[in-house]
Amino acid sequence: MTKPVDKANLDMFPHDRVVFFSDAVFAIAMTLLAIELKTPTAEAIAQVGPAEAWGETISVFIAYVVSFLVTALFWVGHMLTWKYITRATAKLVWCVVFQLMFVAMMPLGTRLYSEAFTGSGAGRFAFYAFVLAGISFFAWMTRIVAARQENLRERLGEAQAKWYVMRGFIPFVVFAAVPLAFVLPTWMGGFVFFMIFPLTVWARRRYERNGTQESA
């Protein structure tokens, strides 16, 4: 006699494989960012002069630092997201797949971002912002699905469950700054991205205060 099929398990994947695969893609993308780091050659210095040649190198280095820290931020967020996930369902897996699709585009986006410092950079910077917005959007979608699937309102409380989702929404708001590419100078656009840190601190304090009031 065959066992009855548990329909709840038909749409599930190995939890560890999803996490390990995600870590691998993040690690590869962050490593590839460093490939563009090169000192100017003697030929380049002779052609354009030392100031311009080293200026291009500095722009590449700035883009590398910004992208490495931003990608690391997404990786930390990914770990915090999966901290509360016990079942890797199809919805979660596909949210992760689409997020990683944009993560894999970070080296390309970073190269265009570095070129925007020395050329007409509106379109290049807009593409870079688009890549970051794509990563953050699907990270946010993952948290929404996870919060419902894992009943986080019951497990963590109302305030903490809302903060879990909101923490994924804040980067999307900041990184969806594509229109700013046509208004702000390229160098300033990168610093706008770092607004995520004060906004996250402010939002966290607000939700922690609400949680304290609920438990009082």
C-alpha atoms as a PDB file:
ATOM      1  CA  MET A   1       0.000   0.000   0.000  1.00  0.00           C
ATOM      2  CA  THR A   2       1.480   3.320  -1.071  1.00  0.00           C
ATOM      3  CA  LYS A   3       1.728   6.221   1.323  1.00  0.00           C
ATOM      4  CA  PRO A   4      -0.594   9.160   0.674  1.00  0.00           C
ATOM      5  CA  VAL A   5       1.250  12.085  -0.898  1.00  0.00           C
ATOM      6  CA  ASP A   6       1.680  15.088   1.370  1.00  0.00           C
ATOM      7  CA  LYS A   7       0.652  17.899  -0.973  1.00  0.00           C
ATOM      8  CA  ALA A   8       2.234  20.479   1.324  1.00  0.00           C
ATOM      9  CA  ASN A   9       5.678  19.025   0.546  1.00  0.00           C
ATOM     10  CA  LEU A  10       5.297  18.877  -3.231  1.00  0.00           C
ATOM     11  CA  ASP A  11       6.154  22.556  -3.636  1.00  0.00           C
ATOM     12  CA  MET A  12       9.264  22.576  -1.444  1.00  0.00           C
ATOM     13  CA  PHE A  13      13.009  22.580  -2.017  1.00  0.00           C
ATOM     14  CA  PRO A  14      16.030  21.740   0.162  1.00  0.00           C
ATOM     15  CA  HIS A  15      16.470  24.740   2.454  1.00  0.00           C
ATOM     16  CA  ASP A  16      20.258  24.470   2.726  1.00  0.00           C
ATOM     17  CA  ARG A  17      20.807  24.298  -1.020  1.00  0.00           C
ATOM     18  CA  VAL A  18      18.930  27.561  -1.557  1.00  0.00           C
ATOM     19  CA  VAL A  19      21.005  29.313   1.115  1.00  0.00           C
ATOM     20  CA  PHE A  20      24.339  27.885  -0.051  1.00  0.00           C
ATOM     21  CA  PHE A  21      23.623  28.721  -3.679  1.00  0.00           C
ATOM     22  CA  SER A  22      22.715  32.284  -2.731  1.00  0.00           C
ATOM     23  CA  ASP A  23      25.922  32.668  -0.711  1.00  0.00           C
ATOM     24  CA  ALA A  24      27.932  31.418  -3.683  1.00  0.00           C
ATOM     25  CA  VAL A  25      26.396  33.929  -6.099  1.00  0.00           C
ATOM     26  CA  PHE A  26      26.965  36.796  -3.660  1.00  0.00           C
ATOM     27  CA  ALA A  27      30.582  35.714  -3.117  1.00  0.00           C
ATOM     28  CA  ILE A  28      31.312  35.412  -6.841  1.00  0.00           C
ATOM     29  CA  ALA A  29      29.707  38.767  -7.651  1.00  0.00           C
ATOM     30  CA  MET A  30      31.672  40.525  -4.898  1.00  0.00           C
ATOM     31  CA  THR A  31      34.906  38.906  -6.058  1.00  0.00           C
ATOM     32  CA  LEU A  32      34.345  39.889  -9.689  1.00  0.00           C
ATOM     33  CA  LEU A  33      33.998  43.510  -8.608  1.00  0.00           C
ATOM     34  CA  ALA A  34      37.741  43.592  -7.926  1.00  0.00           C
ATOM     35  CA  ILE A  35      38.692  42.520 -11.459  1.00  0.00           C
ATOM     36  CA  GLU A  36      38.329  46.084 -12.749  1.00  0.00           C
ATOM     37  CA  LEU A  37      40.881  47.366 -10.197  1.00  0.00           C
ATOM     38  CA  LYS A  38      44.009  48.062 -12.232  1.00  0.00           C
ATOM     39  CA  THR A  39      46.716  50.708 -12.078  1.00  0.00           C
ATOM     40  CA  PRO A  40      47.101  52.800 -15.242  1.00  0.00           C
ATOM     41  CA  THR A  41      49.649  51.517 -17.730  1.00  0.00           C
ATOM     42  CA  ALA A  42      52.556  53.588 -18.959  1.00  0.00           C
ATOM     43  CA  GLU A  43      50.908  53.692 -22.387  1.00  0.00           C
ATOM     44  CA  ALA A  44      47.684  55.107 -20.953  1.00  0.00           C
ATOM     45  CA  ILE A  45      49.580  57.745 -18.982  1.00  0.00           C
ATOM     46  CA  ALA A  46      51.484  58.749 -22.121  1.00  0.00           C
ATOM     47  CA  GLN A  47      48.283  59.024 -24.164  1.00  0.00           C
ATOM     48  CA  VAL A  48      45.991  60.940 -21.807  1.00  0.00           C
ATOM     49  CA  GLY A  49      48.341  62.241 -19.138  1.00  0.00           C
ATOM     50  CA  PRO A  50      48.856  61.116 -15.533  1.00  0.00           C
ATOM     51  CA  ALA A  51      45.977  63.182 -14.111  1.00  0.00           C
ATOM     52  CA  GLU A  52      43.311  61.692 -16.380  1.00  0.00           C
ATOM     53  CA  ALA A  53      44.774  58.187 -16.242  1.00  0.00           C
ATOM     54  CA  TRP A  54      44.846  58.114 -12.468  1.00  0.00           C
ATOM     55  CA  GLY A  55      41.455  59.835 -12.360  1.00  0.00           C
ATOM     56  CA  GLU A  56      39.930  56.874 -14.181  1.00  0.00           C
ATOM     57  CA  THR A  57      41.611  54.504 -11.725  1.00  0.00           C
ATOM     58  CA  ILE A  58      40.255  56.443  -8.761  1.00  0.00           C
ATOM     59  CA  SER A  59      36.723  56.398 -10.207  1.00  0.00           C
ATOM     60  CA  VAL A  60      36.957  52.611 -10.623  1.00  0.00           C
ATOM     61  CA  PHE A  61      38.114  52.268  -7.030  1.00  0.00           C
ATOM     62  CA  ILE A  62      35.276  54.465  -5.709  1.00  0.00           C
ATOM     63  CA  ALA A  63      32.719  52.443  -7.669  1.00  0.00           C
ATOM     64  CA  TYR A  64      34.273  49.238  -6.314  1.00  0.00           C
ATOM     65  CA  VAL A  65      34.036  50.383  -2.681  1.00  0.00           C
ATOM     66  CA  VAL A  66      30.429  51.542  -3.076  1.00  0.00           C
ATOM     67  CA  SER A  67      29.360  48.346  -4.852  1.00  0.00           C
ATOM     68  CA  PHE A  68      31.201  46.023  -2.487  1.00  0.00           C
ATOM     69  CA  LEU A  69      29.599  47.612   0.581  1.00  0.00           C
ATOM     70  CA  VAL A  70      26.149  47.693  -1.030  1.00  0.00           C
ATOM     71  CA  THR A  71      26.392  44.037  -2.101  1.00  0.00           C
ATOM     72  CA  ALA A  72      27.597  43.113   1.388  1.00  0.00           C
ATOM     73  CA  LEU A  73      24.581  44.955   2.782  1.00  0.00           C
ATOM     74  CA  PHE A  74      22.279  42.865   0.604  1.00  0.00           C
ATOM     75  CA  TRP A  75      24.060  39.686   1.703  1.00  0.00           C
ATOM     76  CA  VAL A  76      23.595  40.594   5.373  1.00  0.00           C
ATOM     77  CA  GLY A  77      19.937  41.289   4.668  1.00  0.00           C
ATOM     78  CA  HIS A  78      19.631  37.950   2.915  1.00  0.00           C
ATOM     79  CA  MET A  79      21.003  36.145   5.981  1.00  0.00           C
ATOM     80  CA  LEU A  80      18.596  37.994   8.264  1.00  0.00           C
ATOM     81  CA  THR A  81      15.720  37.148   5.938  1.00  0.00           C
ATOM     82  CA  TRP A  82      16.433  33.414   5.943  1.00  0.00           C
ATOM     83  CA  LYS A  83      17.025  33.385   9.682  1.00  0.00           C
ATOM     84  CA  TYR A  84      13.274  32.912  10.172  1.00  0.00           C
ATOM     85  CA  ILE A  85      12.511  30.766   7.111  1.00  0.00           C
ATOM     86  CA  THR A  86      11.996  27.063   7.787  1.00  0.00           C
ATOM     87  CA  ARG A  87      10.548  25.945   4.433  1.00  0.00           C
ATOM     88  CA  ALA A  88      11.915  26.765   0.984  1.00  0.00           C
ATOM     89  CA  THR A  89       8.748  26.969  -1.097  1.00  0.00           C
ATOM     90  CA  ALA A  90       8.566  27.693  -4.815  1.00  0.00           C
ATOM     91  CA  LYS A  91       7.541  31.309  -4.234  1.00  0.00           C
ATOM     92  CA  LEU A  92      10.565  31.934  -2.050  1.00  0.00           C
ATOM     93  CA  VAL A  93      12.935  30.142  -4.413  1.00  0.00           C
ATOM     94  CA  TRP A  94      11.823  32.197  -7.411  1.00  0.00           C
ATOM     95  CA  CYS A  95      12.077  35.436  -5.447  1.00  0.00           C
ATOM     96  CA  VAL A  96      15.665  34.465  -4.616  1.00  0.00           C
ATOM     97  CA  VAL A  97      16.398  33.478  -8.226  1.00  0.00           C
ATOM     98  CA  PHE A  98      15.296  36.866  -9.539  1.00  0.00           C
ATOM     99  CA  GLN A  99      17.208  38.662  -6.792  1.00  0.00           C
ATOM    100  CA  LEU A 100      20.378  36.748  -7.670  1.00  0.00           C
ATOM    101  CA  MET A 101      19.864  37.551 -11.351  1.00  0.00           C
ATOM    102  CA  PHE A 102      20.368  41.214 -10.468  1.00  0.00           C
ATOM    103  CA  VAL A 103      23.184  40.431  -8.024  1.00  0.00           C
ATOM    104  CA  ALA A 104      25.071  38.773 -10.898  1.00  0.00           C
ATOM    105  CA  MET A 105      24.724  42.033 -12.857  1.00  0.00           C
ATOM    106  CA  MET A 106      26.585  44.026 -10.196  1.00  0.00           C
ATOM    107  CA  PRO A 107      30.016  43.799 -11.915  1.00  0.00           C
ATOM    108  CA  LEU A 108      28.541  45.213 -15.140  1.00  0.00           C
ATOM    109  CA  GLY A 109      26.605  47.906 -13.289  1.00  0.00           C
ATOM    110  CA  THR A 110      29.708  48.848 -11.310  1.00  0.00           C
ATOM    111  CA  ARG A 111      31.810  49.206 -14.447  1.00  0.00           C
ATOM    112  CA  LEU A 112      29.222  51.511 -16.017  1.00  0.00           C
ATOM    113  CA  TYR A 113      28.984  53.448 -12.761  1.00  0.00           C
ATOM    114  CA  SER A 114      32.761  54.021 -12.749  1.00  0.00           C
ATOM    115  CA  GLU A 115      32.634  55.178 -16.375  1.00  0.00           C
ATOM    116  CA  ALA A 116      29.932  57.668 -15.459  1.00  0.00           C
ATOM    117  CA  PHE A 117      32.471  59.633 -13.415  1.00  0.00           C
ATOM    118  CA  THR A 118      34.506  60.569 -16.476  1.00  0.00           C
ATOM    119  CA  GLY A 119      31.867  60.655 -19.224  1.00  0.00           C
ATOM    120  CA  SER A 120      28.222  61.416 -19.845  1.00  0.00           C
ATOM    121  CA  GLY A 121      26.998  59.421 -16.895  1.00  0.00           C
ATOM    122  CA  ALA A 122      23.210  59.811 -16.644  1.00  0.00           C
ATOM    123  CA  GLY A 123      22.348  56.604 -18.516  1.00  0.00           C
ATOM    124  CA  ARG A 124      25.147  54.600 -16.917  1.00  0.00           C
ATOM    125  CA  PHE A 125      24.201  55.697 -13.428  1.00  0.00           C
ATOM    126  CA  ALA A 126      20.516  55.010 -14.164  1.00  0.00           C
ATOM    127  CA  PHE A 127      21.379  51.432 -15.138  1.00  0.00           C
ATOM    128  CA  TYR A 128      23.392  51.005 -11.937  1.00  0.00           C
ATOM    129  CA  ALA A 129      20.464  52.288  -9.874  1.00  0.00           C
ATOM    130  CA  PHE A 130      18.161  49.953 -11.795  1.00  0.00           C
ATOM    131  CA  VAL A 131      20.310  46.938 -10.848  1.00  0.00           C
ATOM    132  CA  LEU A 132      20.293  47.929  -7.177  1.00  0.00           C
ATOM    133  CA  ALA A 133      16.547  48.539  -7.266  1.00  0.00           C
ATOM    134  CA  GLY A 134      16.038  45.073  -8.779  1.00  0.00           C
ATOM    135  CA  ILE A 135      18.045  43.385  -6.022  1.00  0.00           C
ATOM    136  CA  SER A 136      16.221  45.268  -3.281  1.00  0.00           C
ATOM    137  CA  PHE A 137      12.769  44.735  -4.823  1.00  0.00           C
ATOM    138  CA  PHE A 138      13.054  40.949  -4.877  1.00  0.00           C
ATOM    139  CA  ALA A 139      14.683  40.961  -1.432  1.00  0.00           C
ATOM    140  CA  TRP A 140      11.588  42.821  -0.217  1.00  0.00           C
ATOM    141  CA  MET A 141       9.280  40.358  -2.011  1.00  0.00           C
ATOM    142  CA  THR A 142      11.104  37.485  -0.293  1.00  0.00           C
ATOM    143  CA  ARG A 143      10.405  39.014   3.106  1.00  0.00           C
ATOM    144  CA  ILE A 144       6.735  39.555   2.313  1.00  0.00           C
ATOM    145  CA  VAL A 145       6.305  35.924   1.281  1.00  0.00           C
ATOM    146  CA  ALA A 146       8.320  34.687   4.264  1.00  0.00           C
ATOM    147  CA  ALA A 147       6.367  36.783   6.775  1.00  0.00           C
ATOM    148  CA  ARG A 148       3.091  35.247   5.620  1.00  0.00           C
ATOM    149  CA  GLN A 149       4.380  31.727   5.182  1.00  0.00           C
ATOM    150  CA  GLU A 150       6.154  31.548   8.533  1.00  0.00           C
ATOM    151  CA  ASN A 151       3.399  33.295  10.529  1.00  0.00           C
ATOM    152  CA  LEU A 152       5.875  35.857  11.827  1.00  0.00           C
ATOM    153  CA  ARG A 153       3.165  37.968  13.429  1.00  0.00           C
ATOM    154  CA  GLU A 154       2.520  35.139  15.858  1.00  0.00           C
ATOM    155  CA  ARG A 155       6.185  34.155  16.251  1.00  0.00           C
ATOM    156  CA  LEU A 156       7.719  37.631  16.596  1.00  0.00           C
ATOM    157  CA  GLY A 157       4.837  39.904  17.479  1.00  0.00           C
ATOM    158  CA  GLU A 158       3.105  42.529  15.357  1.00  0.00           C
ATOM    159  CA  ALA A 159       5.798  45.232  15.590  1.00  0.00           C
ATOM    160  CA  GLN A 160       8.751  42.925  14.902  1.00  0.00           C
ATOM    161  CA  ALA A 161       6.960  41.245  11.986  1.00  0.00           C
ATOM    162  CA  LYS A 162       6.267  44.647  10.420  1.00  0.00           C
ATOM    163  CA  TRP A 163       9.890  45.664  10.938  1.00  0.00           C
ATOM    164  CA  TYR A 164      11.023  42.422   9.274  1.00  0.00           C
ATOM    165  CA  VAL A 165       9.159  43.439   6.107  1.00  0.00           C
ATOM    166  CA  MET A 166       9.952  47.148   6.348  1.00  0.00           C
ATOM    167  CA  ARG A 167      13.674  46.457   6.607  1.00  0.00           C
ATOM    168  CA  GLY A 168      13.475  44.994   3.109  1.00  0.00           C
ATOM    169  CA  PHE A 169      11.422  47.918   1.805  1.00  0.00           C
ATOM    170  CA  ILE A 170      13.831  50.695   2.874  1.00  0.00           C
ATOM    171  CA  PRO A 171      16.637  49.698   0.456  1.00  0.00           C
ATOM    172  CA  PHE A 172      14.133  49.550  -2.407  1.00  0.00           C
ATOM    173  CA  VAL A 173      13.013  53.125  -1.692  1.00  0.00           C
ATOM    174  CA  VAL A 174      16.609  54.359  -1.560  1.00  0.00           C
ATOM    175  CA  PHE A 175      17.946  52.415  -4.529  1.00  0.00           C
ATOM    176  CA  ALA A 176      14.959  53.134  -6.773  1.00  0.00           C
ATOM    177  CA  ALA A 177      16.628  56.461  -7.450  1.00  0.00           C
ATOM    178  CA  VAL A 178      16.842  56.026 -11.198  1.00  0.00           C
ATOM    179  CA  PRO A 179      15.282  59.463 -11.944  1.00  0.00           C
ATOM    180  CA  LEU A 180      17.951  61.112  -9.767  1.00  0.00           C
ATOM    181  CA  ALA A 181      20.547  60.009 -12.319  1.00  0.00           C
ATOM    182  CA  PHE A 182      19.291  62.739 -14.644  1.00  0.00           C
ATOM    183  CA  VAL A 183      19.285  65.426 -11.927  1.00  0.00           C
ATOM    184  CA  LEU A 184      22.229  64.859  -9.569  1.00  0.00           C
ATOM    185  CA  PRO A 185      25.922  64.724 -10.422  1.00  0.00           C
ATOM    186  CA  THR A 186      27.246  61.171 -10.629  1.00  0.00           C
ATOM    187  CA  TRP A 187      29.507  61.527  -7.612  1.00  0.00           C
ATOM    188  CA  MET A 188      26.578  62.701  -5.475  1.00  0.00           C
ATOM    189  CA  GLY A 189      24.319  59.843  -6.551  1.00  0.00           C
ATOM    190  CA  GLY A 190      26.543  57.281  -4.881  1.00  0.00           C
ATOM    191  CA  PHE A 191      26.340  59.128  -1.592  1.00  0.00           C
ATOM    192  CA  VAL A 192      22.533  59.222  -1.820  1.00  0.00           C
ATOM    193  CA  PHE A 193      22.603  55.432  -1.594  1.00  0.00           C
ATOM    194  CA  PHE A 194      24.202  55.646   1.842  1.00  0.00           C
ATOM    195  CA  MET A 195      21.013  57.281   3.123  1.00  0.00           C
ATOM    196  CA  ILE A 196      19.904  53.707   3.728  1.00  0.00           C
ATOM    197  CA  PHE A 197      21.848  53.657   6.997  1.00  0.00           C
ATOM    198  CA  PRO A 198      20.196  56.622   8.818  1.00  0.00           C
ATOM    199  CA  LEU A 199      16.787  55.637   7.428  1.00  0.00           C
ATOM    200  CA  THR A 200      17.218  52.088   8.727  1.00  0.00           C
ATOM    201  CA  VAL A 201      18.254  53.310  12.181  1.00  0.00           C
ATOM    202  CA  TRP A 202      15.308  55.716  12.336  1.00  0.00           C
ATOM    203  CA  ALA A 203      12.787  53.082  11.211  1.00  0.00           C
ATOM    204  CA  ARG A 204      14.154  50.462  13.601  1.00  0.00           C
ATOM    205  CA  ARG A 205      13.846  52.768  16.588  1.00  0.00           C
ATOM    206  CA  ARG A 206      10.287  53.556  15.593  1.00  0.00           C
ATOM    207  CA  TYR A 207       9.247  49.904  15.378  1.00  0.00           C
ATOM    208  CA  GLU A 208      11.077  49.026  18.580  1.00  0.00           C
ATOM    209  CA  ARG A 209       9.194  51.842  20.317  1.00  0.00           C
ATOM    210  CA  ASN A 210       5.900  50.528  18.981  1.00  0.00           C
ATOM    211  CA  GLY A 211       6.783  47.028  20.153  1.00  0.00           C
ATOM    212  CA  THR A 212       7.541  48.322  23.639  1.00  0.00           C
ATOM    213  CA  GLN A 213       4.223  50.159  23.779  1.00  0.00           C
ATOM    214  CA  GLU A 214       2.338  47.020  22.699  1.00  0.00           C
ATOM    215  CA  SER A 215       3.948  44.880  25.391  1.00  0.00           C
ATOM    216  CA  ALA A 216       3.407  47.476  28.133  1.00  0.00           C
END
